[in-house]
Amino acid sequence: MHLYLIGYRGSGKSTVGKTLATRLNRIFIDTDSQIEQITGKTIREIFTEQGEPAFRLLEEREISRVANMKLPAVVALGGGAILSLANRENLQTSGYCVWLSASPGKLFARICADQNSPTLRPNLTNSGGYAEVEAVLAVREPIYCKLASKMVITDEKSPDEVVEEILDWEKSLA
């Protein structure tokens, strides 16, 4: 079974996922990075040139591919991957979801601190900024909550502390 990391951008999915995969002796897959590698474009470029629906279709294909892999992986998903019913079904049938949750203020601070964010990540609403984080979370949090087998609040935790909490939970499944 795969271990999927879900949550809003800036929640730590990629950072935590790399360490978690190493600790679990699994491969690590970042679906956004995979899409960028396949297309040769950043997520922002895909959104700008082809629109969000085209990106979401690419995302569905990548998640379907990963869900059908036999070798268990730790998978960091794009924040909006959970919006697709097909993706939600693939996640539920092929693994467990761990929701990395953080407050809107903490997420916004992390996004602002990421020097790559403005060039790689598209705005998801017309407002952008903190208002965007709040608006998008209002839609996504109920879905994250429904999908998650485990939620980790990351606001005041280091990536290593988040990894340890997930590992402790994962051991309890055996």
Protein backbone atom coordinates (compact mmCIF):
# COMPACT_ATOMS: atom_id res chain seq x y z
CA MET A 1 0.00 0.00 0.00
CA HIS A 2 1.17 3.50 -0.81
CA LEU A 3 1.41 6.26 1.75
CA TYR A 4 -0.02 9.45 0.24
CA LEU A 5 0.76 12.85 1.73
CA ILE A 6 -2.06 15.31 1.19
CA GLY A 7 -2.45 18.94 2.21
CA TYR A 8 -2.21 22.50 0.98
CA ARG A 9 0.91 23.87 -0.69
CA GLY A 10 3.48 24.73 1.93
CA SER A 11 2.33 22.01 4.33
CA GLY A 12 5.61 20.10 3.92
CA LYS A 13 4.52 17.16 1.75
CA SER A 14 7.64 17.06 -0.43
CA THR A 15 10.11 17.74 2.38
CA VAL A 16 8.52 15.21 4.74
CA GLY A 17 7.95 12.71 1.94
CA LYS A 18 11.61 12.43 0.99
CA THR A 19 12.71 11.69 4.55
CA LEU A 20 9.76 9.41 5.20
CA ALA A 21 10.48 7.36 2.07
CA THR A 22 14.10 6.92 3.14
CA ARG A 23 13.09 5.85 6.64
CA LEU A 24 10.51 3.38 5.29
CA ASN A 25 12.86 2.13 2.57
CA ARG A 26 10.35 3.10 -0.14
CA ILE A 27 10.62 5.12 -3.29
CA PHE A 28 9.47 8.73 -3.16
CA ILE A 29 7.24 10.25 -5.82
CA ASP A 30 6.17 13.89 -6.03
CA THR A 31 3.31 14.00 -8.54
CA ASP A 32 3.81 17.69 -9.36
CA SER A 33 7.50 17.08 -10.07
CA GLN A 34 6.61 14.07 -12.22
CA ILE A 35 4.17 16.17 -14.26
CA GLU A 36 6.81 18.87 -14.71
CA GLN A 37 9.33 16.26 -15.84
CA ILE A 38 6.89 14.64 -18.31
CA THR A 39 5.75 17.95 -19.83
CA GLY A 40 8.98 19.94 -19.56
CA LYS A 41 6.93 22.80 -18.07
CA THR A 42 6.35 24.18 -14.58
CA ILE A 43 2.92 23.82 -13.03
CA ARG A 44 2.51 27.59 -13.41
CA GLU A 45 3.30 27.33 -17.15
CA ILE A 46 0.76 24.54 -17.61
CA PHE A 47 -1.92 26.57 -15.80
CA THR A 48 -1.09 29.67 -17.87
CA GLU A 49 -0.79 28.01 -21.27
CA GLN A 50 -3.37 25.23 -21.05
CA GLY A 51 -5.55 26.06 -18.04
CA GLU A 52 -6.30 24.28 -14.80
CA PRO A 53 -8.52 21.58 -16.41
CA ALA A 54 -5.62 20.43 -18.61
CA PHE A 55 -3.33 20.28 -15.57
CA ARG A 56 -5.92 18.31 -13.57
CA LEU A 57 -6.16 15.77 -16.40
CA LEU A 58 -2.37 15.31 -16.36
CA GLU A 59 -2.57 14.96 -12.58
CA GLU A 60 -5.28 12.28 -12.82
CA ARG A 61 -3.18 10.28 -15.27
CA GLU A 62 -0.10 10.49 -13.03
CA ILE A 63 -2.02 9.50 -9.89
CA SER A 64 -3.63 6.58 -11.74
CA ARG A 65 -0.18 5.43 -12.88
CA VAL A 66 1.21 5.66 -9.35
CA ALA A 67 -1.83 3.96 -7.78
CA ASN A 68 -1.28 0.97 -10.06
CA MET A 69 2.40 0.57 -9.17
CA LYS A 70 3.13 -2.65 -7.28
CA LEU A 71 6.10 -1.32 -5.31
CA PRO A 72 4.87 0.64 -2.24
CA ALA A 73 5.81 4.31 -2.38
CA VAL A 74 5.57 7.49 -0.37
CA VAL A 75 3.73 9.93 -2.62
CA ALA A 76 3.48 13.72 -2.21
CA LEU A 77 0.38 14.94 -4.01
CA GLY A 78 -0.37 18.40 -5.30
CA GLY A 79 -2.68 20.27 -2.95
CA GLY A 80 -5.63 20.14 -5.33
CA ALA A 81 -5.30 16.49 -6.35
CA ILE A 82 -8.06 15.58 -3.92
CA LEU A 83 -10.61 17.65 -5.87
CA SER A 84 -10.97 14.87 -8.47
CA LEU A 85 -13.33 12.01 -7.66
CA ALA A 86 -11.19 9.65 -9.77
CA ASN A 87 -8.13 10.63 -7.74
CA ARG A 88 -9.94 10.16 -4.43
CA GLU A 89 -11.03 6.68 -5.51
CA ASN A 90 -7.48 5.78 -6.59
CA LEU A 91 -6.06 7.02 -3.29
CA GLN A 92 -8.56 5.08 -1.21
CA THR A 93 -8.06 1.80 -3.06
CA SER A 94 -4.26 1.88 -3.24
CA GLY A 95 -3.05 3.28 0.05
CA TYR A 96 -3.44 5.49 3.10
CA CYS A 97 -3.66 9.28 3.16
CA VAL A 98 -1.84 11.35 5.75
CA TRP A 99 -3.02 14.96 5.86
CA LEU A 100 -0.31 17.47 6.72
CA SER A 101 -2.37 20.31 8.14
CA ALA A 102 -1.32 23.81 9.11
CA SER A 103 -3.05 27.09 9.87
CA PRO A 104 -3.62 29.53 7.00
CA GLY A 105 -1.13 31.94 8.55
CA LYS A 106 1.61 29.32 8.79
CA LEU A 107 0.95 28.09 5.25
CA PHE A 108 1.06 31.63 3.87
CA ALA A 109 4.32 32.33 5.71
CA ARG A 110 5.89 29.16 4.31
CA ILE A 111 4.72 29.96 0.77
CA CYS A 112 6.15 33.48 1.04
CA ALA A 113 9.46 32.11 2.34
CA ASP A 114 9.78 29.72 -0.62
CA GLN A 115 11.77 31.59 -3.27
CA ASN A 116 10.48 29.23 -5.99
CA SER A 117 6.82 29.76 -5.19
CA PRO A 118 6.19 32.84 -7.38
CA THR A 119 7.72 31.24 -10.48
CA LEU A 120 6.54 27.65 -10.06
CA ARG A 121 3.14 27.81 -8.37
CA PRO A 122 0.09 29.39 -9.98
CA ASN A 123 -2.44 31.55 -8.17
CA LEU A 124 -5.60 29.54 -7.61
CA THR A 125 -7.99 32.47 -7.22
CA ASN A 126 -8.13 36.04 -8.47
CA SER A 127 -7.22 37.36 -5.03
CA GLY A 128 -3.95 35.51 -4.40
CA GLY A 129 -2.10 35.97 -1.10
CA TYR A 130 -3.48 35.16 2.32
CA ALA A 131 -7.09 35.52 1.13
CA GLU A 132 -6.44 32.79 -1.42
CA VAL A 133 -5.07 30.43 1.22
CA GLU A 134 -8.17 30.92 3.36
CA ALA A 135 -10.60 30.58 0.45
CA VAL A 136 -9.00 27.46 -1.01
CA LEU A 137 -8.63 25.80 2.40
CA ALA A 138 -12.34 26.37 3.08
CA VAL A 139 -13.11 24.19 0.06
CA ARG A 140 -10.38 21.59 0.48
CA GLU A 141 -10.21 20.96 4.23
CA PRO A 142 -13.44 18.91 4.38
CA ILE A 143 -12.09 16.69 1.58
CA TYR A 144 -8.67 16.33 3.24
CA CYS A 145 -10.45 15.40 6.46
CA LYS A 146 -12.64 12.78 4.79
CA LEU A 147 -9.72 11.14 2.97
CA ALA A 148 -7.19 11.19 5.80
CA SER A 149 -6.42 8.08 7.80
CA LYS A 150 -4.11 10.30 9.87
CA MET A 151 -3.83 14.05 10.33
CA VAL A 152 -0.61 15.71 11.48
CA ILE A 153 -0.75 19.36 12.52
CA THR A 154 2.56 20.75 11.31
CA ASP A 155 2.42 24.38 12.51
CA GLU A 156 4.98 24.09 15.30
CA LYS A 157 6.74 20.89 14.23
CA SER A 158 9.96 20.40 12.33
CA PRO A 159 9.88 18.10 9.29
CA ASP A 160 11.71 15.45 11.34
CA GLU A 161 9.06 15.64 14.08
CA VAL A 162 6.34 15.20 11.46
CA VAL A 163 8.17 12.18 10.04
CA GLU A 164 8.45 10.61 13.52
CA GLU A 165 4.73 11.11 14.17
CA ILE A 166 3.86 9.44 10.87
CA LEU A 167 6.28 6.57 11.52
CA ASP A 168 4.75 5.98 14.97
CA TRP A 169 1.28 5.89 13.40
CA GLU A 170 2.44 3.64 10.55
CA LYS A 171 3.90 1.13 13.03
CA SER A 172 0.53 0.95 14.78
CA LEU A 173 -1.06 -0.31 11.55
CA ALA A 174 1.00 -3.51 11.54
